[in-house]
Amino acid sequence: MNELWTVIVPRAEAVRRVCHRDNATAEQAESRLNAQIDNKSRVDASNVVFCSLWAYEETRRQVERALNQLPLRLKQ
């Protein structure tokens, strides 16, 4: 693997999404999230990070930018 790209979301949003998706309580969602690596660890290990709270067009621009810069990063 040449690069690790990660998508993160703030913890409160992650809890909300798990509750909505799985019909879980906030406590159940927190327990699931506690079993996963945290955002800081994900970001620290990643070459490129996106946030899924961004508007679609902003996300698209950021992905295109990261793709365009990929050859330059791989040369390093």
C-alpha atoms as a PDB file:
ATOM      1  CA  MET A   1       0.000   0.000   0.000  1.00  0.00           C
ATOM      2  CA  ASN A   2       1.442   3.371  -1.001  1.00  0.00           C
ATOM      3  CA  GLU A   3      -0.966   5.587   0.912  1.00  0.00           C
ATOM      4  CA  LEU A   4      -3.718   5.356   3.448  1.00  0.00           C
ATOM      5  CA  TRP A   5      -6.743   7.561   2.857  1.00  0.00           C
ATOM      6  CA  THR A   6      -9.197   7.955   5.711  1.00  0.00           C
ATOM      7  CA  VAL A   7     -12.678   9.370   6.133  1.00  0.00           C
ATOM      8  CA  ILE A   8     -13.541  10.628   9.585  1.00  0.00           C
ATOM      9  CA  VAL A   9     -16.520  12.172  11.289  1.00  0.00           C
ATOM     10  CA  PRO A  10     -16.725  13.866  14.694  1.00  0.00           C
ATOM     11  CA  ARG A  11     -17.554  11.490  17.549  1.00  0.00           C
ATOM     12  CA  ALA A  12     -21.001  12.998  18.229  1.00  0.00           C
ATOM     13  CA  GLU A  13     -21.945  12.571  14.573  1.00  0.00           C
ATOM     14  CA  ALA A  14     -20.675   8.992  14.598  1.00  0.00           C
ATOM     15  CA  VAL A  15     -22.881   8.238  17.606  1.00  0.00           C
ATOM     16  CA  ARG A  16     -25.870   9.846  15.894  1.00  0.00           C
ATOM     17  CA  ARG A  17     -25.302   7.842  12.706  1.00  0.00           C
ATOM     18  CA  VAL A  18     -24.917   4.527  14.525  1.00  0.00           C
ATOM     19  CA  CYS A  19     -28.085   5.200  16.513  1.00  0.00           C
ATOM     20  CA  HIS A  20     -30.009   6.051  13.368  1.00  0.00           C
ATOM     21  CA  ARG A  21     -28.607   3.248  11.197  1.00  0.00           C
ATOM     22  CA  ASP A  22     -28.835   0.459  13.752  1.00  0.00           C
ATOM     23  CA  ASN A  23     -31.681   1.703  15.929  1.00  0.00           C
ATOM     24  CA  ALA A  24     -29.189   1.627  18.813  1.00  0.00           C
ATOM     25  CA  THR A  25     -29.088   3.617  22.014  1.00  0.00           C
ATOM     26  CA  ALA A  26     -26.402   6.236  22.499  1.00  0.00           C
ATOM     27  CA  GLU A  27     -24.771   3.942  25.054  1.00  0.00           C
ATOM     28  CA  GLN A  28     -24.681   1.062  22.548  1.00  0.00           C
ATOM     29  CA  ALA A  29     -23.238   3.340  19.884  1.00  0.00           C
ATOM     30  CA  GLU A  30     -20.585   4.628  22.300  1.00  0.00           C
ATOM     31  CA  SER A  31     -19.646   1.049  23.179  1.00  0.00           C
ATOM     32  CA  ARG A  32     -19.200   0.150  19.503  1.00  0.00           C
ATOM     33  CA  LEU A  33     -17.123   3.249  18.848  1.00  0.00           C
ATOM     34  CA  ASN A  34     -14.972   2.569  21.898  1.00  0.00           C
ATOM     35  CA  ALA A  35     -14.048  -0.777  20.337  1.00  0.00           C
ATOM     36  CA  GLN A  36     -12.616   1.016  17.287  1.00  0.00           C
ATOM     37  CA  ILE A  37      -9.530   3.136  16.853  1.00  0.00           C
ATOM     38  CA  ASP A  38     -10.158   6.828  17.480  1.00  0.00           C
ATOM     39  CA  ASN A  39     -10.052   9.629  14.913  1.00  0.00           C
ATOM     40  CA  LYS A  40      -6.704  10.952  16.145  1.00  0.00           C
ATOM     41  CA  SER A  41      -5.060   7.559  15.613  1.00  0.00           C
ATOM     42  CA  ARG A  42      -6.675   7.281  12.173  1.00  0.00           C
ATOM     43  CA  VAL A  43      -5.468  10.741  11.182  1.00  0.00           C
ATOM     44  CA  ASP A  44      -1.968  10.127  12.544  1.00  0.00           C
ATOM     45  CA  ALA A  45      -1.649   6.983  10.409  1.00  0.00           C
ATOM     46  CA  SER A  46      -3.115   8.481   7.227  1.00  0.00           C
ATOM     47  CA  ASN A  47      -1.651  10.277   4.255  1.00  0.00           C
ATOM     48  CA  VAL A  48      -4.947  11.881   3.233  1.00  0.00           C
ATOM     49  CA  VAL A  49      -7.954  12.612   5.457  1.00  0.00           C
ATOM     50  CA  PHE A  50     -11.486  13.557   4.477  1.00  0.00           C
ATOM     51  CA  CYS A  51     -14.462  14.443   6.661  1.00  0.00           C
ATOM     52  CA  SER A  52     -17.828  13.062   5.644  1.00  0.00           C
ATOM     53  CA  LEU A  53     -19.598  16.150   7.010  1.00  0.00           C
ATOM     54  CA  TRP A  54     -18.414  18.211   4.073  1.00  0.00           C
ATOM     55  CA  ALA A  55     -20.856  19.090   1.322  1.00  0.00           C
ATOM     56  CA  TYR A  56     -20.724  16.685  -1.609  1.00  0.00           C
ATOM     57  CA  GLU A  57     -19.071  19.173  -3.968  1.00  0.00           C
ATOM     58  CA  GLU A  58     -16.427  20.082  -1.391  1.00  0.00           C
ATOM     59  CA  THR A  59     -15.669  16.411  -0.828  1.00  0.00           C
ATOM     60  CA  ARG A  60     -15.424  15.883  -4.568  1.00  0.00           C
ATOM     61  CA  ARG A  61     -12.969  18.794  -4.909  1.00  0.00           C
ATOM     62  CA  GLN A  62     -10.846  17.465  -2.074  1.00  0.00           C
ATOM     63  CA  VAL A  63     -10.748  13.953  -3.549  1.00  0.00           C
ATOM     64  CA  GLU A  64      -9.840  15.297  -6.987  1.00  0.00           C
ATOM     65  CA  ARG A  65      -7.097  17.427  -5.432  1.00  0.00           C
ATOM     66  CA  ALA A  66      -5.692  14.451  -3.526  1.00  0.00           C
ATOM     67  CA  LEU A  67      -5.788  12.314  -6.674  1.00  0.00           C
ATOM     68  CA  ASN A  68      -4.043  14.989  -8.715  1.00  0.00           C
ATOM     69  CA  GLN A  69      -1.304  15.311  -6.114  1.00  0.00           C
ATOM     70  CA  LEU A  70      -0.854  11.559  -5.722  1.00  0.00           C
ATOM     71  CA  PRO A  71       1.932  11.208  -8.326  1.00  0.00           C
ATOM     72  CA  LEU A  72       3.912  13.960  -6.584  1.00  0.00           C
ATOM     73  CA  ARG A  73       3.521  12.329  -3.181  1.00  0.00           C
ATOM     74  CA  LEU A  74       4.523   8.921  -4.519  1.00  0.00           C
ATOM     75  CA  LYS A  75       7.767  10.326  -5.943  1.00  0.00           C
ATOM     76  CA  GLN A  76       8.896  11.444  -2.482  1.00  0.00           C
END
